[in-house]
């Protein structure tokens, strides 16, 4: 029997399913204005480890021991952690190339909305035009998109606890196999001072939420964010959530997420 945690998560308000405008979220105030809390059950995916895949469900837990001890230096993260994640992503996904775009170290500090726990169900890309998104990244690397004609592209996040297990404020994901594209709405993330188009789901009771209990620092979660290839899971929305069963004396969760685009030929 699957073990579930009863909690609440923030979804984009239902009104945005039909509105012509595009919502904007980038502060706690705009998050509250455009989202609302819903009761959900988050199941422990450790009971499904053998039947989860990135191609179908949009998320997968893997083992990863990093050689980096101190995550305070962005330069050290890029020099030491990025190559680890690039190699691991190629191994897990079978991609020929992986381009890492950015990382975020998240802590319990709420003073920076961009680095605090993301307390609303979201994805990091718009579903609008994956090929255009891929070509923009390639051109930014001074690569010719024509050299990638016929290739498939997929975007992933890696998410890993650092310093201590993620006992408090764990990460929940929606099983992509239970998510209809009609439930997903574009929004502008404005937290960095500009409009970056991403996407969020509106509530549908068919959505199934999962997490991995007490994720350790030698575990890493891959999450699908976008895919240009037909027949593959397109996206896996995610959010931080409060686990009422977690030990209140446990240290706050700290984690690093890395965003990347993978190329399949």
Protein backbone atom coordinates (compact mmCIF):
# COMPACT_ATOMS: atom_id res chain seq x y z
CA UNK A 1 0.00 0.00 0.00
CA UNK A 2 1.36 3.42 -0.97
CA UNK A 3 2.13 5.70 1.95
CA UNK A 4 0.90 9.26 1.51
CA UNK A 5 1.40 12.60 3.23
CA UNK A 6 -1.61 14.89 3.50
CA UNK A 7 -0.55 18.47 2.86
CA UNK A 8 -1.33 21.58 0.82
CA UNK A 9 0.31 22.94 -2.32
CA UNK A 10 -0.20 26.13 -4.29
CA UNK A 11 -1.63 25.86 -7.81
CA UNK A 12 -2.19 28.61 -10.35
CA UNK A 13 -5.73 29.93 -9.92
CA UNK A 14 -8.36 28.28 -12.12
CA UNK A 15 -9.34 31.63 -13.67
CA UNK A 16 -6.08 31.64 -15.63
CA UNK A 17 -7.11 28.58 -17.62
CA UNK A 18 -9.35 30.74 -19.83
CA UNK A 19 -8.00 34.28 -19.46
CA UNK A 20 -6.28 35.91 -22.42
CA UNK A 21 -3.64 37.63 -20.29
CA UNK A 22 -0.54 35.93 -18.95
CA UNK A 23 -0.08 35.90 -15.16
CA UNK A 24 3.08 37.29 -13.60
CA UNK A 25 4.75 35.88 -10.50
CA UNK A 26 8.02 37.03 -9.01
CA UNK A 27 7.32 38.06 -5.43
CA UNK A 28 5.47 36.62 -2.45
CA UNK A 29 2.68 39.11 -3.11
CA UNK A 30 2.16 38.13 -6.74
CA UNK A 31 2.40 34.47 -5.79
CA UNK A 32 -0.41 34.88 -3.26
CA UNK A 33 -2.51 36.86 -5.74
CA UNK A 34 -2.27 34.31 -8.56
CA UNK A 35 -2.19 30.98 -6.73
CA UNK A 36 -4.28 29.23 -4.12
CA UNK A 37 -3.75 26.32 -1.76
CA UNK A 38 -5.24 22.90 -2.42
CA UNK A 39 -5.32 19.76 -0.31
CA UNK A 40 -3.32 16.94 -1.87
CA UNK A 41 -1.76 13.63 -0.91
CA UNK A 42 1.94 13.24 -1.71
CA UNK A 43 2.96 9.59 -2.05
CA UNK A 44 6.40 8.24 -1.22
CA UNK A 45 7.95 7.26 -4.55
CA UNK A 46 10.40 4.93 -2.82
CA UNK A 47 7.59 2.40 -3.16
CA UNK A 48 7.80 2.76 -6.98
CA UNK A 49 11.52 2.97 -7.63
CA UNK A 50 11.55 0.12 -10.15
CA UNK A 51 8.79 1.43 -12.42
CA UNK A 52 9.56 5.16 -12.67
CA UNK A 53 11.24 6.65 -15.73
CA UNK A 54 12.07 10.08 -17.08
CA UNK A 55 10.46 9.19 -20.41
CA UNK A 56 7.06 8.31 -18.92
CA UNK A 57 6.79 9.79 -15.43
CA UNK A 58 9.21 12.67 -15.84
CA UNK A 59 11.31 11.99 -12.74
CA UNK A 60 13.88 9.50 -11.54
CA UNK A 61 16.01 9.08 -8.42
CA UNK A 62 19.67 8.10 -8.85
CA UNK A 63 22.73 7.75 -6.66
CA UNK A 64 25.33 10.51 -6.83
CA UNK A 65 28.20 11.29 -4.49
CA UNK A 66 29.64 14.70 -5.27
CA UNK A 67 33.25 15.64 -4.73
CA UNK A 68 32.27 19.20 -3.80
CA UNK A 69 31.96 19.94 -0.08
CA UNK A 70 31.37 23.70 -0.10
CA UNK A 71 28.53 25.11 -2.21
CA UNK A 72 29.06 28.77 -1.33
CA UNK A 73 31.22 29.56 -4.36
CA UNK A 74 29.48 29.74 -7.74
CA UNK A 75 32.87 29.39 -9.42
CA UNK A 76 33.59 26.15 -7.56
CA UNK A 77 30.14 24.82 -8.42
CA UNK A 78 30.71 25.51 -12.11
CA UNK A 79 34.23 24.09 -12.08
CA UNK A 80 33.58 20.94 -10.03
CA UNK A 81 29.86 20.17 -9.81
CA UNK A 82 28.81 20.97 -13.38
CA UNK A 83 31.09 18.32 -14.96
CA UNK A 84 29.71 15.71 -12.54
CA UNK A 85 26.13 16.55 -13.48
CA UNK A 86 26.87 16.68 -17.20
CA UNK A 87 28.43 13.20 -17.12
CA UNK A 88 25.63 11.81 -14.95
CA UNK A 89 22.93 13.28 -17.19
CA UNK A 90 24.49 11.70 -20.27
CA UNK A 91 24.67 8.35 -18.50
CA UNK A 92 21.09 8.42 -17.21
CA UNK A 93 19.35 9.87 -20.27
CA UNK A 94 21.52 8.56 -23.09
CA UNK A 95 21.97 12.09 -24.45
CA UNK A 96 24.85 12.80 -26.82
CA UNK A 97 25.40 16.31 -25.49
CA UNK A 98 24.33 18.18 -22.35
CA UNK A 99 24.44 21.95 -21.99
CA UNK A 100 24.16 23.23 -18.42
CA UNK A 101 22.52 26.65 -18.26
CA UNK A 102 22.40 27.64 -14.58
CA UNK A 103 22.13 26.51 -10.97
CA UNK A 104 20.36 27.65 -7.82
CA UNK A 105 21.36 26.84 -4.24
CA UNK A 106 18.22 26.95 -2.11
CA UNK A 107 18.13 27.48 1.65
CA UNK A 108 15.61 28.32 4.34
CA UNK A 109 16.40 32.04 3.91
CA UNK A 110 13.24 33.73 2.60
CA UNK A 111 14.82 37.15 2.00
CA UNK A 112 15.60 36.28 -1.65
CA UNK A 113 12.50 35.06 -3.51
CA UNK A 114 14.65 33.60 -6.29
CA UNK A 115 16.69 31.39 -3.96
CA UNK A 116 14.10 30.51 -1.32
CA UNK A 117 12.11 27.28 -1.49
CA UNK A 118 9.70 27.48 -4.45
CA UNK A 119 6.32 27.21 -2.74
CA UNK A 120 4.08 26.83 -5.79
CA UNK A 121 3.65 24.09 -8.38
CA UNK A 122 5.58 25.11 -11.48
CA UNK A 123 7.84 24.19 -14.36
CA UNK A 124 10.82 26.16 -15.59
CA UNK A 125 9.96 26.43 -19.29
CA UNK A 126 7.03 27.25 -21.53
CA UNK A 127 5.61 24.45 -23.68
CA UNK A 128 5.09 26.92 -26.50
CA UNK A 129 7.98 26.15 -28.89
CA UNK A 130 10.68 23.71 -27.70
CA UNK A 131 12.69 23.93 -30.93
CA UNK A 132 12.86 27.72 -30.74
CA UNK A 133 13.99 27.41 -27.12
CA UNK A 134 16.71 24.95 -28.17
CA UNK A 135 17.88 27.11 -31.06
CA UNK A 136 18.13 30.16 -28.82
CA UNK A 137 20.39 28.26 -26.42
CA UNK A 138 22.55 26.91 -29.24
CA UNK A 139 22.95 30.35 -30.79
CA UNK A 140 23.90 31.71 -27.37
CA UNK A 141 26.74 29.17 -27.36
CA UNK A 142 27.75 30.26 -30.88
CA UNK A 143 26.57 26.98 -32.34
CA UNK A 144 24.64 26.67 -35.60
CA UNK A 145 21.14 25.18 -35.10
CA UNK A 146 21.40 23.81 -38.65
CA UNK A 147 24.04 21.39 -37.36
CA UNK A 148 21.38 19.98 -35.03
CA UNK A 149 18.70 19.43 -37.65
CA UNK A 150 16.68 16.33 -36.79
CA UNK A 151 17.95 16.18 -33.21
CA UNK A 152 15.66 15.86 -30.22
CA UNK A 153 15.97 18.13 -27.21
CA UNK A 154 14.96 17.66 -23.60
CA UNK A 155 15.38 19.91 -20.61
CA UNK A 156 16.03 18.55 -17.14
CA UNK A 157 16.66 19.75 -13.63
CA UNK A 158 18.87 17.86 -11.25
CA UNK A 159 17.98 18.35 -7.57
CA UNK A 160 20.21 17.22 -4.72
CA UNK A 161 20.20 17.85 -0.96
CA UNK A 162 23.44 19.31 0.39
CA UNK A 163 24.87 19.36 3.93
CA UNK A 164 22.05 17.22 5.39
CA UNK A 165 19.13 15.00 4.30
CA UNK A 166 16.01 16.74 3.00
CA UNK A 167 13.80 15.78 5.93
CA UNK A 168 12.04 19.15 6.09
CA UNK A 169 10.50 21.01 3.15
CA UNK A 170 11.04 18.16 0.67
CA UNK A 171 10.35 18.42 -3.05
CA UNK A 172 7.13 17.05 -4.55
CA UNK A 173 6.56 16.35 -8.25
CA UNK A 174 3.49 15.58 -10.34
CA UNK A 175 3.73 12.28 -12.19
CA UNK A 176 3.82 13.36 -15.84
CA UNK A 177 1.68 10.34 -16.74
CA UNK A 178 -1.20 11.95 -14.80
CA UNK A 179 -0.82 15.45 -16.27
CA UNK A 180 -2.74 16.68 -19.31
CA UNK A 181 -1.18 19.46 -21.38
CA UNK A 182 -4.53 21.23 -21.19
CA UNK A 183 -3.88 21.73 -17.46
CA UNK A 184 -0.69 23.70 -18.12
CA UNK A 185 -0.73 27.49 -18.52
CA UNK A 186 2.13 29.83 -19.39
CA UNK A 187 3.14 32.51 -16.91
CA UNK A 188 5.88 35.11 -16.68
CA UNK A 189 8.41 34.68 -13.90
CA UNK A 190 9.53 38.22 -13.03
CA UNK A 191 11.81 37.53 -10.06
CA UNK A 192 14.97 38.47 -11.95
CA UNK A 193 13.64 41.84 -13.09
CA UNK A 194 12.49 40.66 -16.52
CA UNK A 195 9.72 38.53 -17.99
CA UNK A 196 10.86 34.92 -18.34
CA UNK A 197 8.13 32.71 -19.77
CA UNK A 198 7.58 29.46 -17.86
CA UNK A 199 4.53 27.30 -17.14
CA UNK A 200 2.32 26.19 -14.27
CA UNK A 201 -0.53 23.72 -13.94
CA UNK A 202 -4.00 24.48 -12.68
CA UNK A 203 -5.57 22.00 -10.30
CA UNK A 204 -6.87 18.71 -11.62
CA UNK A 205 -7.76 15.91 -9.18
CA UNK A 206 -6.18 13.42 -11.59
CA UNK A 207 -2.71 14.73 -10.73
CA UNK A 208 -0.65 12.35 -8.60
CA UNK A 209 2.06 13.83 -6.38
CA UNK A 210 5.22 12.00 -5.32
CA UNK A 211 8.32 12.67 -3.25
CA UNK A 212 11.27 10.68 -1.94
CA UNK A 213 11.26 10.57 1.83
CA UNK A 214 14.41 11.72 3.64
CA UNK A 215 16.45 12.20 0.49
CA UNK A 216 20.11 11.88 1.41
CA UNK A 217 23.04 13.92 0.19
CA UNK A 218 24.23 10.99 -1.94
CA UNK A 219 20.92 10.90 -3.84
CA UNK A 220 19.89 13.05 -6.79
CA UNK A 221 16.55 13.56 -8.50
CA UNK A 222 16.29 14.21 -12.24
CA UNK A 223 13.12 16.08 -13.27
CA UNK A 224 11.91 16.54 -16.86
CA UNK A 225 11.09 20.16 -17.71
CA UNK A 226 10.44 20.11 -21.46
CA UNK A 227 10.86 17.74 -24.41
CA UNK A 228 10.71 18.32 -28.15
CA UNK A 229 10.33 14.62 -28.93
CA UNK A 230 6.83 13.24 -29.51
CA UNK A 231 5.82 10.33 -27.32
CA UNK A 232 7.93 11.36 -24.34
CA UNK A 233 6.83 12.94 -21.07
CA UNK A 234 6.83 16.68 -21.68
CA UNK A 235 7.12 18.11 -18.20
CA UNK A 236 7.10 17.30 -14.51
CA UNK A 237 5.80 20.17 -12.33
CA UNK A 238 7.34 20.43 -8.88
CA UNK A 239 7.09 22.35 -5.60
CA UNK A 240 8.44 22.44 -2.08
CA UNK A 241 5.89 21.35 0.52
CA UNK A 242 5.46 21.06 4.27
CA UNK A 243 5.58 17.49 5.54
CA UNK A 244 3.66 17.45 8.83
CA UNK A 245 5.38 14.17 9.73
CA UNK A 246 8.91 15.56 9.49
CA UNK A 247 11.01 16.10 12.59
CA UNK A 248 10.72 19.80 13.53
CA UNK A 249 14.18 19.58 15.10
CA UNK A 250 15.79 18.37 11.89
CA UNK A 251 18.04 20.93 10.17
CA UNK A 252 16.41 22.98 7.41
CA UNK A 253 16.67 21.60 3.92
CA UNK A 254 19.42 22.92 1.70
CA UNK A 255 19.67 21.84 -1.91
CA UNK A 256 21.18 22.59 -5.28
CA UNK A 257 19.33 22.39 -8.56
CA UNK A 258 21.03 22.48 -11.95
CA UNK A 259 19.18 23.21 -15.18
CA UNK A 260 20.31 21.72 -18.47
CA UNK A 261 19.37 20.90 -22.05
CA UNK A 262 20.14 17.46 -23.46
CA UNK A 263 20.59 16.64 -27.15
CA UNK A 264 19.50 13.32 -28.67
CA UNK A 265 20.48 12.27 -32.19
